[in-house]
C-alpha atoms as a PDB file:
ATOM      1  CA  MET A   1      19.882   3.482   6.713  1.00  0.00           C
ATOM      2  CA  THR A   2      18.308   3.238   3.265  1.00  0.00           C
ATOM      3  CA  THR A   3      18.641   6.054   0.763  1.00  0.00           C
ATOM      4  CA  THR A   4      16.078   6.406  -2.017  1.00  0.00           C
ATOM      5  CA  ILE A   5      17.123   8.369  -5.060  1.00  0.00           C
ATOM      6  CA  ILE A   6      14.305   9.689  -7.211  1.00  0.00           C
ATOM      7  CA  ALA A   7      15.184  10.400 -10.819  1.00  0.00           C
ATOM      8  CA  PRO A   8      13.832  13.472 -12.602  1.00  0.00           C
ATOM      9  CA  PRO A   9      10.625  12.613 -14.534  1.00  0.00           C
ATOM     10  CA  ASP A  10      12.371  12.653 -17.906  1.00  0.00           C
ATOM     11  CA  ARG A  11      14.825   9.960 -16.693  1.00  0.00           C
ATOM     12  CA  ALA A  12      12.543   7.878 -14.474  1.00  0.00           C
ATOM     13  CA  CYS A  13      11.765   4.352 -15.670  1.00  0.00           C
ATOM     14  CA  SER A  14       8.682   2.403 -14.644  1.00  0.00           C
ATOM     15  CA  ARG A  15       8.447  -1.340 -14.152  1.00  0.00           C
ATOM     16  CA  LEU A  16       5.983  -3.780 -12.700  1.00  0.00           C
ATOM     17  CA  ALA A  17       6.694  -5.337  -9.343  1.00  0.00           C
ATOM     18  CA  PRO A  18       8.000  -8.907  -9.797  1.00  0.00           C
ATOM     19  CA  HIS A  19       4.810 -10.558  -8.494  1.00  0.00           C
ATOM     20  CA  PHE A  20       2.659  -8.992 -11.242  1.00  0.00           C
ATOM     21  CA  VAL A  21       2.307 -10.901 -14.512  1.00  0.00           C
ATOM     22  CA  PHE A  22       1.548  -9.011 -17.742  1.00  0.00           C
ATOM     23  CA  ARG A  23       0.771 -11.279 -20.678  1.00  0.00           C
ATOM     24  CA  TRP A  24      -1.389 -11.877 -23.727  1.00  0.00           C
ATOM     25  CA  GLN A  25      -4.479 -14.043 -23.224  1.00  0.00           C
ATOM     26  CA  ASP A  26      -5.708 -15.635 -26.449  1.00  0.00           C
ATOM     27  CA  SER A  27      -9.029 -16.537 -24.810  1.00  0.00           C
ATOM     28  CA  GLN A  28      -9.713 -12.851 -24.107  1.00  0.00           C
ATOM     29  CA  ASP A  29      -7.939 -11.530 -27.203  1.00  0.00           C
ATOM     30  CA  ALA A  30      -6.277  -8.990 -24.906  1.00  0.00           C
ATOM     31  CA  ASN A  31      -3.367  -8.316 -22.597  1.00  0.00           C
ATOM     32  CA  THR A  32      -4.020  -9.107 -18.943  1.00  0.00           C
ATOM     33  CA  LEU A  33      -2.405  -8.061 -15.697  1.00  0.00           C
ATOM     34  CA  LEU A  34      -2.393 -10.747 -13.031  1.00  0.00           C
ATOM     35  CA  TYR A  35      -1.668 -10.397  -9.351  1.00  0.00           C
ATOM     36  CA  PRO A  36      -1.606 -13.998  -8.102  1.00  0.00           C
ATOM     37  CA  GLU A  37      -1.461 -13.219  -4.385  1.00  0.00           C
ATOM     38  CA  GLY A  38      -4.779 -11.374  -4.407  1.00  0.00           C
ATOM     39  CA  LEU A  39      -5.514  -7.870  -3.227  1.00  0.00           C
ATOM     40  CA  ASN A  40      -5.628  -6.522   0.284  1.00  0.00           C
ATOM     41  CA  ASN A  41      -8.791  -4.851   1.572  1.00  0.00           C
ATOM     42  CA  SER A  42      -7.798  -1.271   0.781  1.00  0.00           C
ATOM     43  CA  ALA A  43      -6.662  -2.127  -2.767  1.00  0.00           C
ATOM     44  CA  SER A  44      -9.943  -3.959  -3.360  1.00  0.00           C
ATOM     45  CA  GLU A  45     -11.918  -0.948  -2.158  1.00  0.00           C
ATOM     46  CA  VAL A  46     -10.017   1.342  -4.543  1.00  0.00           C
ATOM     47  CA  LEU A  47     -10.601  -0.919  -7.544  1.00  0.00           C
ATOM     48  CA  LYS A  48     -14.308  -1.384  -6.735  1.00  0.00           C
ATOM     49  CA  ARG A  49     -14.726   2.350  -7.185  1.00  0.00           C
ATOM     50  CA  CYS A  50     -12.899   2.537 -10.532  1.00  0.00           C
ATOM     51  CA  ASP A  51     -16.083   2.034 -12.522  1.00  0.00           C
ATOM     52  CA  GLY A  52     -15.570   4.526 -15.329  1.00  0.00           C
ATOM     53  CA  LYS A  53     -18.292   6.757 -13.855  1.00  0.00           C
ATOM     54  CA  SER A  54     -16.746   8.172 -10.677  1.00  0.00           C
ATOM     55  CA  SER A  55     -14.041  10.828 -10.729  1.00  0.00           C
ATOM     56  CA  VAL A  56     -11.115  10.922  -8.334  1.00  0.00           C
ATOM     57  CA  THR A  57     -12.621  13.418  -5.875  1.00  0.00           C
ATOM     58  CA  PRO A  58     -15.675  11.354  -4.836  1.00  0.00           C
ATOM     59  CA  ILE A  59     -13.576   8.180  -4.770  1.00  0.00           C
ATOM     60  CA  ASP A  60     -11.094   9.908  -2.476  1.00  0.00           C
ATOM     61  CA  SER A  61     -13.902  11.102  -0.182  1.00  0.00           C
ATOM     62  CA  GLU A  62     -15.426   7.610  -0.001  1.00  0.00           C
ATOM     63  CA  LEU A  63     -12.053   6.048   0.804  1.00  0.00           C
ATOM     64  CA  GLN A  64     -11.346   8.615   3.504  1.00  0.00           C
ATOM     65  CA  SER A  65     -14.683   7.687   5.093  1.00  0.00           C
ATOM     66  CA  ALA A  66     -13.991   3.957   4.729  1.00  0.00           C
ATOM     67  CA  PHE A  67     -10.456   4.249   6.138  1.00  0.00           C
ATOM     68  CA  PRO A  68     -10.446   7.152   8.624  1.00  0.00           C
ATOM     69  CA  GLY A  69      -7.024   8.214   9.819  1.00  0.00           C
ATOM     70  CA  SER A  70      -5.204   6.619   6.884  1.00  0.00           C
END
């Protein structure tokens, strides 16, 4: 049996999963976040909709239609 302990928000610490790479890219003059293994279908569908124009509610509705029963 595995027990998960969730810390209160004021004591919780965030970290990237080990397979993500966060680094500075001189060619882009910016930090980048890399995920070398690629994205699965559902993750790709979420990111396609993060266009800076759509709010969470319509994105959620579209994803529910795209992935019924999830």
